[in-house]
Amino acid sequence: MADPLKVLLLTDVFPPGSGGSGWSAYYLGKALQERGHEVRVVRPRYSEGVARVRIRIVEYGGLPVEELLIPEASGWVRRLGLGKASLERTTRLAMTRRAYQIAASGKAGVLHGQHAVSSVAASWAARRARSSGAKVISVATVRDYWPLCPVSTRLFMDSRGQPFECKDCHELRSYLNCTNKSQRKSKMPAALARWGQTLHVSQALARCDAVIAVSDYVRREVVRSGRVPERKLVTIPNLVDLPSVDRALAGSWPLNDISPSEPYLLFVGKWDINKGAQMLPEALARSGVRLPLVLAGDGPLRGQLVAEARERGLDFRFYNWLENDSVIKLMRHARALLFPSAWQEPLSRVLLEGCAAGAAIVALDTGGTGDVIVHKESGWLAPQRVGLAEGTRQVVRNDELNTHLRLGARRQAEVRFAAPLVSERVEALYHTLLARLESA
């Protein structure tokens, strides 16, 4: 191993109670720690009732974590509809200030932002620390389209309630056309302000020493936008911790109304448009498969899904968010894990953990999903939504194919996404950037 590094991970969210971005930051931190590096985490916390920013020191899973307690926006700011923007600004400034203090004191040589707010803070803090003589680099990971699109998913709803993608949100005219077509039309000043803010944060991103895109698709889209120099972009996927997955698989069974020996289907994630939950009733009806569908998550489409499942005679069983270990156990035993994501999925943690669990995956081919799922090798990759029904039917009814996909999925996790392999690539990037800084 090369010389140990002092790494500060700045992240918008962090476990427990976080989505894929937070868990990816955690597993990266643990993997770097296991490689002998000194890792600490800085993250914001909201709704803590503080009058000014405060620091609370905690620990999670062996990683030291500094929680920045962020005060709420003032009442008049919220009444003007600027509460979220004000909160993000306060958070960026607080994270920048704290990261600068840590870097300037020699306690971190790497500032690695994990999402939108924290990546800007890493960029600003590193530049400020370098101006005062510190040897520190900034790295940012892009896990969705926040540098390009004010809504980060590039998904809008038309007047009929159907989703459509704004592929060129980085261009002002295209973004304004999409907002005008959207069901939730924005007033022009507000739309311009949101687009301008996205441009502003992308400019901070471009000043990082390197930008990690989690999939080739995300990298291509950022390059196409012209917002980050291509020479600074590198594709390194999110990682999965296989020993943690294996421990979860050995755990107890989490459900009371379905046994592990009973065949069922599984959907994990938000019951929302961008995750494609609205496709599930039609896909299952077309497939002819009449197994129970376990839906683990939450979201605004629950009522619609309940009604449509009842109308079609489908057995949908809804569970609120389950513990991550429980979800992994369900993935392994499900006859098929359904992944009908409707947006250009950057690189889903559901898919990575599904592969690691040895799930039989049926996925819609969007965005970076093809970086994980190789058709008929590590899963069934449907090119169009009508293919979800065929994939579900084949994977459920063909025992040989089902077993083949499970083995291929686990193999994919082992050779492409295992924590030691991915963290070694991140470590090599850090050392390359630090060597470049030393020689400059």
Protein backbone atom coordinates (compact mmCIF):
# COMPACT_ATOMS: atom_id res chain seq x y z
CA MET A 1 0.00 0.00 0.00
CA ALA A 2 1.15 3.57 -0.70
CA ASP A 3 1.64 6.11 2.08
CA PRO A 4 -1.42 6.55 4.31
CA LEU A 5 -3.56 9.59 3.57
CA LYS A 6 -5.73 11.87 5.67
CA VAL A 7 -9.11 11.89 3.95
CA LEU A 8 -12.08 14.08 4.77
CA LEU A 9 -15.35 12.90 3.25
CA LEU A 10 -17.89 15.70 3.00
CA THR A 11 -21.37 14.36 2.39
CA ASP A 12 -24.88 15.77 2.17
CA VAL A 13 -26.35 12.69 3.87
CA PHE A 14 -24.98 9.76 5.87
CA PRO A 15 -26.32 6.65 7.60
CA PRO A 16 -28.39 5.77 9.41
CA GLY A 17 -31.49 6.90 7.61
CA SER A 18 -29.96 7.88 4.29
CA GLY A 19 -30.42 6.85 0.69
CA GLY A 20 -27.89 5.43 -1.73
CA SER A 21 -25.60 8.47 -1.69
CA GLY A 22 -25.12 8.27 2.08
CA TRP A 23 -24.48 4.54 2.08
CA SER A 24 -22.02 4.89 -0.79
CA ALA A 25 -20.10 7.52 1.19
CA TYR A 26 -20.07 5.26 4.24
CA TYR A 27 -18.80 2.19 2.40
CA LEU A 28 -16.12 4.24 0.64
CA GLY A 29 -14.96 5.60 3.99
CA LYS A 30 -14.81 2.12 5.52
CA ALA A 31 -12.92 0.72 2.53
CA LEU A 32 -10.34 3.52 2.65
CA GLN A 33 -10.00 3.06 6.41
CA GLU A 34 -9.36 -0.65 5.90
CA ARG A 35 -6.62 0.27 3.43
CA GLY A 36 -4.85 2.09 6.27
CA HIS A 37 -5.96 5.66 5.63
CA GLU A 38 -7.18 8.10 8.26
CA VAL A 39 -10.78 8.92 7.36
CA ARG A 40 -13.22 11.33 8.93
CA VAL A 41 -16.66 12.52 7.84
CA VAL A 42 -18.38 15.91 7.92
CA ARG A 43 -22.13 15.99 7.30
CA PRO A 44 -25.01 18.42 7.98
CA ARG A 45 -27.93 17.79 10.33
CA TYR A 46 -31.19 19.72 10.13
CA SER A 47 -34.20 20.32 12.40
CA GLU A 48 -32.05 20.32 15.52
CA GLY A 49 -33.48 23.57 16.91
CA VAL A 50 -30.17 25.46 17.01
CA ALA A 51 -29.84 29.22 16.58
CA ARG A 52 -26.43 29.02 14.90
CA VAL A 53 -24.22 26.35 13.37
CA ARG A 54 -22.83 23.94 15.95
CA ILE A 55 -20.62 20.85 15.75
CA ARG A 56 -21.56 17.52 17.32
CA ILE A 57 -19.03 14.68 17.34
CA VAL A 58 -20.43 11.18 16.84
CA GLU A 59 -19.28 7.86 15.42
CA TYR A 60 -20.91 5.55 12.93
CA GLY A 61 -19.64 2.11 12.03
CA GLY A 62 -16.12 2.90 13.17
CA LEU A 63 -15.88 6.22 11.29
CA PRO A 64 -15.58 9.50 13.23
CA VAL A 65 -18.34 11.87 12.10
CA GLU A 66 -18.68 15.59 12.68
CA GLU A 67 -22.31 16.63 12.42
CA LEU A 68 -22.84 20.27 11.55
CA LEU A 69 -26.12 21.30 13.15
CA ILE A 70 -27.73 23.75 10.73
CA PRO A 71 -30.29 26.35 11.92
CA GLU A 72 -33.57 26.67 10.06
CA ALA A 73 -34.09 29.49 7.62
CA SER A 74 -35.87 32.47 9.14
CA GLY A 75 -39.64 32.69 8.87
CA TRP A 76 -39.75 35.53 6.36
CA VAL A 77 -37.32 33.65 4.08
CA ARG A 78 -39.55 30.57 4.16
CA ARG A 79 -42.65 32.69 3.45
CA LEU A 80 -40.94 33.98 0.30
CA GLY A 81 -40.39 30.38 -0.83
CA LEU A 82 -36.61 30.66 -0.41
CA GLY A 83 -36.24 28.36 2.59
CA LYS A 84 -34.51 25.51 0.76
CA ALA A 85 -32.12 27.81 -1.11
CA SER A 86 -31.24 29.62 2.12
CA LEU A 87 -30.65 26.34 3.95
CA GLU A 88 -28.37 25.04 1.20
CA ARG A 89 -26.37 28.28 1.22
CA THR A 90 -25.93 28.11 5.00
CA THR A 91 -24.87 24.48 4.73
CA ARG A 92 -22.37 25.11 1.93
CA LEU A 93 -20.75 27.93 3.87
CA ALA A 94 -20.65 25.92 7.11
CA MET A 95 -19.15 22.85 5.42
CA THR A 96 -16.63 25.00 3.56
CA ARG A 97 -15.53 26.72 6.76
CA ARG A 98 -15.14 23.46 8.67
CA ALA A 99 -13.34 21.67 5.81
CA TYR A 100 -10.95 24.61 5.48
CA GLN A 101 -10.19 24.52 9.21
CA ILE A 102 -9.42 20.79 9.05
CA ALA A 103 -7.27 21.09 5.91
CA ALA A 104 -5.39 24.20 7.06
CA SER A 105 -4.50 22.47 10.36
CA GLY A 106 -2.94 19.56 8.46
CA LYS A 107 -5.61 17.06 9.47
CA ALA A 108 -6.71 16.35 5.88
CA GLY A 109 -4.88 16.26 2.57
CA VAL A 110 -7.90 15.07 0.59
CA LEU A 111 -11.31 16.75 0.58
CA HIS A 112 -13.81 14.49 -1.18
CA GLY A 113 -17.34 15.81 -1.72
CA GLN A 114 -19.99 13.14 -2.11
CA HIS A 115 -22.94 15.10 -3.50
CA ALA A 116 -24.13 18.55 -4.60
CA VAL A 117 -23.74 20.73 -1.50
CA SER A 118 -20.69 18.90 -0.15
CA SER A 119 -18.85 18.88 -3.49
CA VAL A 120 -19.08 22.66 -3.73
CA ALA A 121 -17.79 22.91 -0.15
CA ALA A 122 -14.84 20.61 -0.95
CA SER A 123 -13.94 22.76 -3.96
CA TRP A 124 -14.16 26.06 -2.11
CA ALA A 125 -12.36 24.81 1.00
CA ALA A 126 -9.45 23.28 -0.93
CA ARG A 127 -8.87 26.46 -2.93
CA ARG A 128 -8.91 28.56 0.23
CA ALA A 129 -6.60 26.15 2.09
CA ARG A 130 -4.14 26.06 -0.81
CA SER A 131 -4.01 29.85 -0.88
CA SER A 132 -2.82 29.70 2.73
CA GLY A 133 -0.11 27.14 1.94
CA ALA A 134 -1.82 23.81 2.67
CA LYS A 135 -1.16 20.83 0.41
CA VAL A 136 -4.70 19.62 -0.17
CA ILE A 137 -6.70 18.35 -3.15
CA SER A 138 -10.42 18.40 -3.87
CA VAL A 139 -12.37 15.55 -5.45
CA ALA A 140 -16.10 15.36 -6.11
CA THR A 141 -18.34 12.41 -6.93
CA VAL A 142 -21.31 12.98 -9.24
CA ARG A 143 -24.09 10.45 -8.56
CA ASP A 144 -26.90 12.11 -10.52
CA TYR A 145 -27.38 15.14 -12.77
CA TRP A 146 -27.18 17.97 -10.23
CA PRO A 147 -24.40 19.78 -12.15
CA LEU A 148 -26.64 19.89 -15.23
CA CYS A 149 -30.27 20.12 -14.14
CA PRO A 150 -32.04 22.18 -11.46
CA VAL A 151 -34.22 19.17 -10.57
CA SER A 152 -31.24 16.74 -10.73
CA THR A 153 -33.25 13.93 -12.38
CA ARG A 154 -34.01 15.78 -15.67
CA LEU A 155 -37.55 14.41 -15.36
CA PHE A 156 -40.62 16.64 -15.74
CA MET A 157 -44.35 15.93 -15.91
CA ASP A 158 -46.43 17.07 -18.87
CA SER A 159 -50.03 18.33 -18.76
CA ARG A 160 -51.33 14.72 -18.99
CA GLY A 161 -49.29 13.65 -15.98
CA GLN A 162 -46.78 11.70 -18.08
CA PRO A 163 -43.05 12.00 -17.33
CA PHE A 164 -40.68 13.30 -19.96
CA GLU A 165 -36.93 13.87 -19.92
CA CYS A 166 -35.19 17.20 -20.46
CA LYS A 167 -31.90 15.84 -21.80
CA ASP A 168 -30.42 19.31 -22.37
CA CYS A 169 -31.26 21.02 -19.08
CA HIS A 170 -27.74 22.48 -19.09
CA GLU A 171 -28.89 24.74 -21.93
CA LEU A 172 -31.10 27.55 -20.66
CA ARG A 173 -33.50 27.55 -23.61
CA SER A 174 -34.08 23.80 -23.34
CA TYR A 175 -34.65 24.01 -19.58
CA LEU A 176 -37.17 26.85 -19.95
CA ASN A 177 -39.00 24.92 -22.69
CA CYS A 178 -39.25 21.92 -20.36
CA THR A 179 -40.53 23.99 -17.46
CA ASN A 180 -43.12 25.59 -19.75
CA LYS A 181 -44.34 22.14 -20.87
CA SER A 182 -44.37 20.87 -17.32
CA GLN A 183 -47.48 20.32 -15.26
CA ARG A 184 -45.85 22.45 -12.55
CA LYS A 185 -45.02 25.54 -14.56
CA SER A 186 -42.56 27.87 -12.93
CA LYS A 187 -42.62 31.62 -12.99
CA MET A 188 -39.84 32.87 -15.23
CA PRO A 189 -37.79 34.60 -12.49
CA ALA A 190 -37.84 31.48 -10.30
CA ALA A 191 -36.89 29.20 -13.22
CA LEU A 192 -34.04 31.51 -14.20
CA ALA A 193 -32.81 31.63 -10.60
CA ARG A 194 -32.79 27.84 -10.28
CA TRP A 195 -30.94 27.39 -13.56
CA GLY A 196 -28.44 30.09 -12.60
CA GLN A 197 -27.79 28.43 -9.25
CA THR A 198 -27.14 25.09 -10.98
CA LEU A 199 -24.66 26.78 -13.31
CA HIS A 200 -22.98 28.39 -10.29
CA VAL A 201 -22.48 25.10 -8.44
CA SER A 202 -21.25 23.38 -11.62
CA GLN A 203 -18.58 26.07 -11.93
CA ALA A 204 -17.40 25.22 -8.42
CA LEU A 205 -17.42 21.54 -9.38
CA ALA A 206 -15.24 22.28 -12.42
CA ARG A 207 -12.60 23.80 -10.14
CA CYS A 208 -12.12 20.51 -8.27
CA ASP A 209 -8.89 18.66 -9.04
CA ALA A 210 -10.91 15.66 -10.26
CA VAL A 211 -14.55 14.71 -10.72
CA ILE A 212 -15.64 11.09 -10.37
CA ALA A 213 -18.65 10.01 -12.42
CA VAL A 214 -20.22 6.81 -11.10
CA SER A 215 -20.98 5.41 -14.57
CA ASP A 216 -19.88 5.89 -18.15
CA TYR A 217 -23.30 7.32 -18.94
CA VAL A 218 -22.98 10.05 -16.29
CA ARG A 219 -19.48 10.85 -17.49
CA ARG A 220 -20.63 11.19 -21.11
CA GLU A 221 -23.48 13.48 -20.14
CA VAL A 222 -21.25 15.75 -18.05
CA VAL A 223 -18.71 15.88 -20.89
CA ARG A 224 -21.48 16.65 -23.39
CA SER A 225 -22.66 19.56 -21.28
CA GLY A 226 -19.24 21.18 -21.36
CA ARG A 227 -19.57 22.15 -17.71
CA VAL A 228 -16.56 20.16 -16.47
CA PRO A 229 -13.30 19.77 -18.44
CA GLU A 230 -13.09 16.25 -19.85
CA ARG A 231 -9.52 15.86 -18.57
CA LYS A 232 -10.81 16.13 -14.99
CA LEU A 233 -13.48 13.45 -15.36
CA VAL A 234 -12.95 9.80 -14.48
CA THR A 235 -15.41 6.93 -14.16
CA ILE A 236 -15.20 5.04 -10.87
CA PRO A 237 -18.36 3.20 -9.76
CA ASN A 238 -19.94 3.08 -6.36
CA LEU A 239 -18.70 0.10 -4.41
CA VAL A 240 -20.37 -2.69 -2.52
CA ASP A 241 -19.04 -4.28 0.66
CA LEU A 242 -19.38 -8.00 0.07
CA PRO A 243 -18.62 -9.13 3.66
CA SER A 244 -21.42 -6.84 4.91
CA VAL A 245 -23.79 -8.32 2.34
CA ASP A 246 -22.82 -11.85 3.33
CA ARG A 247 -23.47 -11.06 7.00
CA ALA A 248 -26.87 -9.67 6.07
CA LEU A 249 -27.69 -12.83 4.12
CA ALA A 250 -26.97 -14.88 7.23
CA GLY A 251 -29.38 -12.77 9.30
CA SER A 252 -32.93 -13.50 10.40
CA TRP A 253 -35.93 -13.39 8.09
CA PRO A 254 -37.60 -9.93 8.23
CA LEU A 255 -41.21 -10.56 7.13
CA ASN A 256 -44.15 -12.15 8.92
CA ASP A 257 -46.59 -12.72 6.06
CA ILE A 258 -44.19 -14.33 3.57
CA SER A 259 -41.71 -17.10 4.34
CA PRO A 260 -38.32 -17.37 2.61
CA SER A 261 -39.49 -20.55 0.88
CA GLU A 262 -42.56 -18.85 -0.63
CA PRO A 263 -41.98 -17.39 -4.11
CA TYR A 264 -42.46 -13.62 -4.42
CA LEU A 265 -41.27 -10.66 -6.47
CA LEU A 266 -39.51 -7.61 -5.02
CA PHE A 267 -39.37 -3.88 -5.74
CA VAL A 268 -37.07 -1.71 -3.60
CA GLY A 269 -37.16 2.09 -3.64
CA LYS A 270 -39.46 5.08 -3.78
CA TRP A 271 -42.95 4.52 -5.11
CA ASP A 272 -42.46 7.44 -7.46
CA ILE A 273 -42.38 8.33 -11.15
CA ASN A 274 -38.59 8.45 -11.53
CA LYS A 275 -38.20 4.95 -10.06
CA GLY A 276 -40.81 3.59 -12.47
CA ALA A 277 -43.17 2.27 -9.80
CA GLN A 278 -46.11 3.23 -12.02
CA MET A 279 -44.99 0.58 -14.56
CA LEU A 280 -45.30 -2.33 -12.15
CA PRO A 281 -49.04 -3.14 -12.46
CA GLU A 282 -49.01 -3.22 -16.26
CA ALA A 283 -45.71 -5.14 -16.42
CA LEU A 284 -46.97 -7.85 -14.05
CA ALA A 285 -50.35 -8.07 -15.73
CA ARG A 286 -48.68 -8.53 -19.13
CA SER A 287 -46.19 -11.06 -17.78
CA GLY A 288 -48.85 -13.46 -16.59
CA VAL A 289 -46.88 -13.94 -13.36
CA ARG A 290 -49.18 -14.02 -10.36
CA LEU A 291 -46.74 -14.02 -7.47
CA PRO A 292 -47.01 -11.55 -4.59
CA LEU A 293 -45.02 -8.35 -5.15
CA VAL A 294 -43.26 -7.02 -2.05
CA LEU A 295 -42.72 -3.25 -2.30
CA ALA A 296 -40.13 -1.98 0.22
CA GLY A 297 -39.98 1.81 0.45
CA ASP A 298 -42.50 4.64 0.39
CA GLY A 299 -43.70 7.37 -1.92
CA PRO A 300 -46.56 9.35 -3.41
CA LEU A 301 -47.76 6.63 -5.80
CA ARG A 302 -48.93 4.23 -3.10
CA GLY A 303 -52.63 5.07 -3.53
CA GLN A 304 -52.41 4.71 -7.30
CA LEU A 305 -50.58 1.39 -7.02
CA VAL A 306 -53.07 0.02 -4.49
CA ALA A 307 -56.01 0.92 -6.73
CA GLU A 308 -54.49 -0.42 -9.94
CA ALA A 309 -53.29 -3.64 -8.33
CA ARG A 310 -56.78 -4.25 -6.95
CA GLU A 311 -58.33 -3.53 -10.35
CA ARG A 312 -55.99 -5.99 -12.09
CA GLY A 313 -56.24 -8.65 -9.38
CA LEU A 314 -52.57 -8.37 -8.38
CA ASP A 315 -51.15 -9.12 -4.93
CA PHE A 316 -49.13 -6.03 -3.95
CA ARG A 317 -47.78 -5.96 -0.38
CA PHE A 318 -46.46 -2.62 0.88
CA TYR A 319 -43.78 -2.15 3.53
CA ASN A 320 -42.21 1.08 4.70
CA TRP A 321 -38.45 1.40 4.46
CA LEU A 322 -36.80 -1.68 5.92
CA GLU A 323 -33.34 -1.98 7.40
CA ASN A 324 -30.67 -2.38 4.73
CA ASP A 325 -29.78 -5.89 5.93
CA SER A 326 -33.43 -6.92 5.67
CA VAL A 327 -33.65 -5.66 2.10
CA ILE A 328 -30.54 -7.62 1.12
CA LYS A 329 -32.07 -10.78 2.59
CA LEU A 330 -35.25 -10.18 0.60
CA MET A 331 -33.24 -9.66 -2.60
CA ARG A 332 -31.59 -13.05 -2.27
CA HIS A 333 -34.84 -14.97 -1.75
CA ALA A 334 -37.03 -13.09 -4.25
CA ARG A 335 -37.83 -15.00 -7.41
CA ALA A 336 -37.03 -11.76 -9.25
CA LEU A 337 -35.91 -8.27 -8.24
CA LEU A 338 -37.74 -5.76 -10.47
CA PHE A 339 -36.00 -2.51 -11.39
CA PRO A 340 -38.15 -0.45 -13.79
CA SER A 341 -36.35 2.88 -13.27
CA ALA A 342 -37.87 5.51 -15.56
CA TRP A 343 -35.11 8.10 -15.38
CA GLN A 344 -31.55 7.75 -16.63
CA GLU A 345 -30.40 5.89 -13.53
CA PRO A 346 -26.79 6.94 -12.80
CA LEU A 347 -25.65 3.78 -10.96
CA SER A 348 -28.13 2.33 -8.53
CA ARG A 349 -27.14 0.96 -5.15
CA VAL A 350 -30.19 -1.30 -5.36
CA LEU A 351 -28.59 -2.99 -8.38
CA LEU A 352 -25.15 -3.22 -6.78
CA GLU A 353 -26.53 -4.80 -3.62
CA GLY A 354 -28.87 -6.97 -5.67
CA CYS A 355 -25.88 -8.33 -7.58
CA ALA A 356 -23.94 -8.90 -4.37
CA ALA A 357 -26.93 -10.73 -2.86
CA GLY A 358 -27.17 -13.01 -5.90
CA ALA A 359 -30.59 -11.71 -6.94
CA ALA A 360 -32.25 -12.53 -10.26
CA ILE A 361 -32.67 -8.99 -11.61
CA VAL A 362 -35.05 -7.69 -14.28
CA ALA A 363 -34.15 -4.08 -15.13
CA LEU A 364 -35.08 -1.38 -17.62
CA ASP A 365 -32.06 -0.25 -19.63
CA THR A 366 -31.72 3.38 -18.57
CA GLY A 367 -28.61 5.48 -17.94
CA GLY A 368 -25.84 3.62 -16.15
CA THR A 369 -27.85 0.46 -15.51
CA GLY A 370 -25.96 -1.22 -18.36
CA ASP A 371 -22.74 -0.73 -16.39
CA VAL A 372 -24.13 -3.22 -13.86
CA ILE A 373 -26.48 -5.50 -15.80
CA VAL A 374 -25.16 -7.47 -18.75
CA HIS A 375 -28.18 -8.93 -20.53
CA LYS A 376 -28.72 -12.61 -19.75
CA GLU A 377 -25.45 -12.69 -17.79
CA SER A 378 -25.89 -10.62 -14.62
CA GLY A 379 -29.58 -9.91 -15.14
CA TRP A 380 -32.31 -9.36 -17.72
CA LEU A 381 -31.90 -5.92 -19.36
CA ALA A 382 -35.10 -4.75 -21.05
CA PRO A 383 -34.51 -2.09 -23.77
CA GLN A 384 -38.09 -0.79 -23.51
CA ARG A 385 -40.76 -0.87 -20.83
CA VAL A 386 -42.74 -3.55 -22.69
CA GLY A 387 -39.70 -5.79 -22.24
CA LEU A 388 -40.16 -5.78 -18.47
CA ALA A 389 -43.10 -8.17 -18.81
CA GLU A 390 -41.16 -10.58 -21.00
CA GLY A 391 -38.15 -10.43 -18.70
CA THR A 392 -40.27 -11.08 -15.62
CA ARG A 393 -41.97 -14.04 -17.28
CA GLN A 394 -38.66 -15.59 -18.45
CA VAL A 395 -36.76 -15.08 -15.20
CA VAL A 396 -39.59 -16.38 -13.00
CA ARG A 397 -40.50 -19.43 -15.06
CA ASN A 398 -37.10 -20.57 -16.36
CA ASP A 399 -35.22 -22.21 -13.48
CA GLU A 400 -31.99 -22.59 -15.45
CA LEU A 401 -31.98 -18.92 -16.49
CA ASN A 402 -32.86 -17.82 -12.96
CA THR A 403 -29.89 -19.69 -11.48
CA HIS A 404 -27.56 -18.47 -14.25
CA LEU A 405 -28.47 -14.83 -13.61
CA ARG A 406 -27.98 -15.18 -9.86
CA LEU A 407 -24.48 -16.59 -10.30
CA GLY A 408 -23.63 -13.98 -12.92
CA ALA A 409 -24.87 -11.15 -10.71
CA ARG A 410 -22.69 -12.20 -7.79
CA ARG A 411 -19.71 -12.63 -10.11
CA GLN A 412 -20.27 -9.10 -11.46
CA ALA A 413 -20.21 -7.71 -7.92
CA GLU A 414 -16.99 -9.57 -7.14
CA VAL A 415 -15.01 -8.53 -10.21
CA ARG A 416 -16.24 -4.96 -10.78
CA PHE A 417 -17.75 -3.43 -7.65
CA ALA A 418 -16.13 -5.08 -4.62
CA ALA A 419 -14.88 -2.56 -2.05
CA PRO A 420 -11.16 -3.45 -2.24
CA LEU A 421 -11.10 -3.05 -6.03
CA VAL A 422 -12.99 0.24 -6.19
CA SER A 423 -11.28 1.83 -3.17
CA GLU A 424 -7.90 0.98 -4.69
CA ARG A 425 -8.86 3.02 -7.76
CA VAL A 426 -9.99 5.95 -5.60
CA GLU A 427 -6.77 5.76 -3.60
CA ALA A 428 -4.69 5.77 -6.80
CA LEU A 429 -6.55 8.87 -7.99
CA TYR A 430 -5.81 10.66 -4.71
CA HIS A 431 -2.10 9.87 -4.97
CA THR A 432 -1.92 10.96 -8.60
CA LEU A 433 -3.53 14.30 -7.78
CA LEU A 434 -1.32 14.88 -4.73
CA ALA A 435 1.82 14.08 -6.75
CA ARG A 436 0.67 16.53 -9.41
CA LEU A 437 0.13 19.18 -6.76
CA GLU A 438 3.61 18.60 -5.29
CA SER A 439 5.26 18.97 -8.69
CA ALA A 440 3.31 22.07 -9.69
